[in-house]
Amino acid sequence: MPQCAAESKCAMSTTNLPESGAGHAEPPEFLSKVQVASLLNVSKRTVDAMLARGELPVARLSKRRLRFPRQAVIEAINRRVVGRR
């Protein structure tokens, strides 16, 4: 069972990914800004704002190329969930 709605959406949005031998596409370990925005159902500008506030973990591959660790993004969002029991 997914930990959050974002995780279940990510599992569904695995188009254009290489398939494993079992015929099931694995979600990528690292995500682009566009993929993070899609996962969270927000705009790229919102991802930029979250990044500027230090709310999302990121790996800088170069000055302009960023990759977001998928599991760390999901954990960061889960920490922001309000009213969880």
C-alpha atoms as a PDB file:
ATOM      1  CA  MET A   1       0.000   0.000   0.000  1.00  0.00           C
ATOM      2  CA  PRO A   2       1.439   3.424  -0.925  1.00  0.00           C
ATOM      3  CA  GLN A   3       2.495   5.748   1.872  1.00  0.00           C
ATOM      4  CA  CYS A   4       0.897   8.727   0.169  1.00  0.00           C
ATOM      5  CA  ALA A   5      -1.167   9.630  -2.857  1.00  0.00           C
ATOM      6  CA  ALA A   6       1.957  10.972  -4.551  1.00  0.00           C
ATOM      7  CA  GLU A   7       3.644   7.565  -4.348  1.00  0.00           C
ATOM      8  CA  SER A   8       0.678   5.791  -5.952  1.00  0.00           C
ATOM      9  CA  LYS A   9       0.569   8.404  -8.722  1.00  0.00           C
ATOM     10  CA  CYS A  10       4.282   7.893  -9.361  1.00  0.00           C
ATOM     11  CA  ALA A  11       3.745   4.166  -9.697  1.00  0.00           C
ATOM     12  CA  MET A  12       1.109   4.873 -12.338  1.00  0.00           C
ATOM     13  CA  SER A  13       3.178   7.401 -14.277  1.00  0.00           C
ATOM     14  CA  THR A  14       5.959   5.110 -15.459  1.00  0.00           C
ATOM     15  CA  THR A  15       5.588   5.715 -19.184  1.00  0.00           C
ATOM     16  CA  ASN A  16       8.734   5.863 -21.323  1.00  0.00           C
ATOM     17  CA  LEU A  17      10.781   3.946 -18.764  1.00  0.00           C
ATOM     18  CA  PRO A  18      12.767   0.810 -19.533  1.00  0.00           C
ATOM     19  CA  GLU A  19      10.989  -2.343 -18.495  1.00  0.00           C
ATOM     20  CA  SER A  20      12.477  -4.998 -16.252  1.00  0.00           C
ATOM     21  CA  GLY A  21      12.503  -8.677 -17.231  1.00  0.00           C
ATOM     22  CA  ALA A  22       9.131  -9.269 -15.528  1.00  0.00           C
ATOM     23  CA  GLY A  23       7.383  -6.863 -17.909  1.00  0.00           C
ATOM     24  CA  HIS A  24       6.766  -4.351 -15.104  1.00  0.00           C
ATOM     25  CA  ALA A  25       8.244  -0.857 -15.438  1.00  0.00           C
ATOM     26  CA  GLU A  26      10.168   0.194 -12.343  1.00  0.00           C
ATOM     27  CA  PRO A  27       9.858   3.807 -11.185  1.00  0.00           C
ATOM     28  CA  PRO A  28      13.111   5.739 -11.675  1.00  0.00           C
ATOM     29  CA  GLU A  29      15.385   6.149  -8.663  1.00  0.00           C
ATOM     30  CA  PHE A  30      16.095   9.780  -9.591  1.00  0.00           C
ATOM     31  CA  LEU A  31      13.551  12.198 -11.028  1.00  0.00           C
ATOM     32  CA  SER A  32      13.808  15.323 -13.161  1.00  0.00           C
ATOM     33  CA  LYS A  33      12.076  18.553 -12.147  1.00  0.00           C
ATOM     34  CA  VAL A  34       9.255  17.793 -14.596  1.00  0.00           C
ATOM     35  CA  GLN A  35       8.790  14.323 -13.101  1.00  0.00           C
ATOM     36  CA  VAL A  36       8.737  15.720  -9.548  1.00  0.00           C
ATOM     37  CA  ALA A  37       6.150  18.318 -10.584  1.00  0.00           C
ATOM     38  CA  SER A  38       4.040  15.564 -12.142  1.00  0.00           C
ATOM     39  CA  LEU A  39       4.453  13.318  -9.099  1.00  0.00           C
ATOM     40  CA  LEU A  40       3.305  16.091  -6.758  1.00  0.00           C
ATOM     41  CA  ASN A  41       0.711  17.471  -9.201  1.00  0.00           C
ATOM     42  CA  VAL A  42       2.228  20.965  -9.059  1.00  0.00           C
ATOM     43  CA  SER A  43       3.950  23.264 -11.553  1.00  0.00           C
ATOM     44  CA  LYS A  44       7.692  23.375 -12.236  1.00  0.00           C
ATOM     45  CA  ARG A  45       7.719  26.838 -10.642  1.00  0.00           C
ATOM     46  CA  THR A  46       6.304  25.350  -7.433  1.00  0.00           C
ATOM     47  CA  VAL A  47       9.092  22.757  -7.462  1.00  0.00           C
ATOM     48  CA  ASP A  48      11.592  25.632  -7.897  1.00  0.00           C
ATOM     49  CA  ALA A  49      10.056  27.446  -4.910  1.00  0.00           C
ATOM     50  CA  MET A  50      10.141  24.297  -2.774  1.00  0.00           C
ATOM     51  CA  LEU A  51      13.759  23.787  -3.773  1.00  0.00           C
ATOM     52  CA  ALA A  52      14.659  27.394  -2.884  1.00  0.00           C
ATOM     53  CA  ARG A  53      13.053  26.936   0.555  1.00  0.00           C
ATOM     54  CA  GLY A  54      15.076  23.760   1.091  1.00  0.00           C
ATOM     55  CA  GLU A  55      11.987  21.541   1.195  1.00  0.00           C
ATOM     56  CA  LEU A  56      13.174  19.058  -1.441  1.00  0.00           C
ATOM     57  CA  PRO A  57      16.413  17.078  -1.574  1.00  0.00           C
ATOM     58  CA  VAL A  58      18.353  17.483  -4.810  1.00  0.00           C
ATOM     59  CA  ALA A  59      21.508  16.236  -6.509  1.00  0.00           C
ATOM     60  CA  ARG A  60      23.153  18.805  -8.790  1.00  0.00           C
ATOM     61  CA  LEU A  61      24.724  17.110 -11.783  1.00  0.00           C
ATOM     62  CA  SER A  62      25.785  20.451 -13.242  1.00  0.00           C
ATOM     63  CA  LYS A  63      24.839  24.111 -12.883  1.00  0.00           C
ATOM     64  CA  ARG A  64      21.513  23.563 -14.651  1.00  0.00           C
ATOM     65  CA  ARG A  65      20.897  19.821 -14.405  1.00  0.00           C
ATOM     66  CA  LEU A  66      19.158  18.602 -11.242  1.00  0.00           C
ATOM     67  CA  ARG A  67      17.954  15.183 -10.160  1.00  0.00           C
ATOM     68  CA  PHE A  68      15.717  14.467  -7.201  1.00  0.00           C
ATOM     69  CA  PRO A  69      15.988  11.153  -5.305  1.00  0.00           C
ATOM     70  CA  ARG A  70      12.481   9.676  -5.666  1.00  0.00           C
ATOM     71  CA  GLN A  71      12.211   8.116  -2.208  1.00  0.00           C
ATOM     72  CA  ALA A  72      13.619  11.221  -0.492  1.00  0.00           C
ATOM     73  CA  VAL A  73      11.042  13.414  -2.278  1.00  0.00           C
ATOM     74  CA  ILE A  74       8.228  11.125  -1.111  1.00  0.00           C
ATOM     75  CA  GLU A  75       9.596  11.170   2.463  1.00  0.00           C
ATOM     76  CA  ALA A  76       9.904  14.983   2.391  1.00  0.00           C
ATOM     77  CA  ILE A  77       6.278  15.306   1.320  1.00  0.00           C
ATOM     78  CA  ASN A  78       5.127  12.777   3.919  1.00  0.00           C
ATOM     79  CA  ARG A  79       6.760  14.898   6.645  1.00  0.00           C
ATOM     80  CA  ARG A  80       4.524  17.803   5.551  1.00  0.00           C
ATOM     81  CA  VAL A  81       1.262  15.831   5.872  1.00  0.00           C
ATOM     82  CA  VAL A  82      -1.004  17.547   8.397  1.00  0.00           C
ATOM     83  CA  GLY A  83      -3.371  15.677  10.669  1.00  0.00           C
ATOM     84  CA  ARG A  84      -1.834  12.233  10.184  1.00  0.00           C
ATOM     85  CA  ARG A  85      -2.466   9.893  13.097  1.00  0.00           C
END
